[in-house]
């Protein structure tokens, strides 16, 4: 019985979904509005982190620590984060809606209603 429960939980944890955005953690495939999205490793990691914190504001410091594995944020690191976010937005945004919104001076938030 416990093995069946574990398998059931494992399959639930294989996907992260927010609106039209669907991430399969086992195959590392991402689909947005039904179309496949090709992401670099770093873009995938950032998007996964945002999906795990869906609807919550994610600070630049949290992204730097969790995804980029940097303990201290610098101006250069801010630029790296901005470049990755710009690329993610270009790949995910359809029909002018913004999937990832910037919270000025603080961080980013993933909005599923914007897809």
Protein backbone atom coordinates (compact mmCIF):
# COMPACT_ATOMS: atom_id res chain seq x y z
CA UNK A 1 0.00 0.00 0.00
CA UNK A 2 2.80 2.43 0.89
CA UNK A 3 4.51 1.76 -2.45
CA UNK A 4 1.33 2.67 -4.32
CA UNK A 5 0.98 5.87 -2.33
CA UNK A 6 4.62 6.79 -3.05
CA UNK A 7 4.12 6.18 -6.77
CA UNK A 8 0.99 8.31 -6.75
CA UNK A 9 2.83 11.17 -5.04
CA UNK A 10 5.76 10.83 -7.41
CA UNK A 11 3.57 11.23 -10.47
CA UNK A 12 1.86 14.28 -9.01
CA UNK A 13 5.24 15.88 -8.34
CA UNK A 14 6.40 15.26 -11.92
CA UNK A 15 4.56 18.30 -13.30
CA UNK A 16 4.39 21.97 -12.49
CA UNK A 17 1.45 23.78 -14.07
CA UNK A 18 0.44 27.42 -14.03
CA UNK A 19 -2.25 28.57 -16.46
CA UNK A 20 -1.15 27.55 -19.98
CA UNK A 21 2.39 26.83 -18.77
CA UNK A 22 3.24 23.16 -18.21
CA UNK A 23 6.62 21.81 -17.06
CA UNK A 24 7.32 18.08 -17.00
CA UNK A 25 10.11 17.57 -14.45
CA UNK A 26 10.91 14.03 -15.54
CA UNK A 27 11.51 14.84 -19.21
CA UNK A 28 12.48 18.51 -18.65
CA UNK A 29 10.00 19.60 -21.31
CA UNK A 30 8.11 22.86 -21.17
CA UNK A 31 4.94 23.73 -23.06
CA UNK A 32 3.30 27.13 -23.21
CA UNK A 33 -0.20 27.45 -24.69
CA UNK A 34 0.22 23.95 -26.13
CA UNK A 35 3.45 24.68 -28.00
CA UNK A 36 6.87 23.32 -26.97
CA UNK A 37 9.36 25.83 -25.61
CA UNK A 38 13.10 25.24 -25.91
CA UNK A 39 14.96 26.56 -22.87
CA UNK A 40 18.59 26.64 -21.85
CA UNK A 41 19.50 24.91 -18.60
CA UNK A 42 19.62 28.19 -16.68
CA UNK A 43 16.30 29.39 -18.13
CA UNK A 44 14.74 26.06 -17.18
CA UNK A 45 16.05 26.34 -13.60
CA UNK A 46 14.74 29.90 -13.23
CA UNK A 47 11.34 28.96 -14.62
CA UNK A 48 11.15 25.90 -12.37
CA UNK A 49 11.91 28.07 -9.34
CA UNK A 50 9.23 30.57 -10.38
CA UNK A 51 6.70 27.78 -10.95
CA UNK A 52 7.41 26.32 -7.52
CA UNK A 53 6.64 29.78 -6.11
CA UNK A 54 3.69 30.46 -8.43
CA UNK A 55 1.93 33.74 -7.67
CA UNK A 56 4.51 34.67 -5.01
CA UNK A 57 7.03 37.45 -5.37
CA UNK A 58 10.54 36.00 -5.83
CA UNK A 59 13.39 38.31 -4.91
CA UNK A 60 16.57 38.66 -6.92
CA UNK A 61 18.48 37.47 -3.86
CA UNK A 62 16.42 34.27 -3.72
CA UNK A 63 17.06 33.61 -7.43
CA UNK A 64 20.78 34.30 -6.98
CA UNK A 65 21.02 31.87 -4.06
CA UNK A 66 18.74 29.10 -5.32
CA UNK A 67 19.40 29.06 -9.05
CA UNK A 68 22.73 30.80 -9.68
CA UNK A 69 24.29 29.46 -6.44
CA UNK A 70 25.65 32.90 -5.52
CA UNK A 71 25.52 34.05 -1.91
CA UNK A 72 26.21 37.75 -2.49
CA UNK A 73 24.38 39.70 -5.16
CA UNK A 74 26.31 42.19 -7.28
CA UNK A 75 25.54 44.58 -10.12
CA UNK A 76 26.90 42.04 -12.59
CA UNK A 77 24.68 39.33 -11.19
CA UNK A 78 21.66 41.63 -11.51
CA UNK A 79 22.47 42.02 -15.20
CA UNK A 80 22.75 38.23 -15.63
CA UNK A 81 19.34 37.76 -14.01
CA UNK A 82 17.82 40.49 -16.22
CA UNK A 83 19.21 38.87 -19.38
CA UNK A 84 17.79 35.46 -18.44
CA UNK A 85 14.41 37.01 -17.61
CA UNK A 86 14.29 38.88 -20.91
CA UNK A 87 15.02 35.66 -22.82
CA UNK A 88 12.42 33.72 -20.83
CA UNK A 89 9.81 36.40 -21.51
CA UNK A 90 10.51 36.31 -25.25
CA UNK A 91 10.09 32.54 -25.30
CA UNK A 92 6.99 32.39 -23.09
CA UNK A 93 4.96 35.48 -23.83
CA UNK A 94 2.19 35.12 -26.37
CA UNK A 95 -0.22 37.74 -27.66
CA UNK A 96 1.39 40.58 -25.73
CA UNK A 97 0.66 39.19 -22.25
CA UNK A 98 3.54 39.07 -19.81
CA UNK A 99 4.01 35.79 -17.97
CA UNK A 100 6.81 37.04 -15.74
CA UNK A 101 6.25 40.44 -14.19
CA UNK A 102 8.93 42.59 -12.60
CA UNK A 103 8.26 43.96 -9.14
CA UNK A 104 10.39 47.08 -9.40
CA UNK A 105 13.34 47.08 -7.02
CA UNK A 106 12.38 43.75 -5.48
CA UNK A 107 12.14 40.79 -7.86
CA UNK A 108 9.73 38.89 -10.08
CA UNK A 109 6.37 37.18 -9.95
CA UNK A 110 4.90 34.51 -12.24
CA UNK A 111 1.31 35.35 -13.14
CA UNK A 112 -0.70 32.45 -14.52
CA UNK A 113 -3.60 34.70 -15.46
CA UNK A 114 -1.42 36.54 -17.94
CA UNK A 115 -0.87 33.56 -20.22
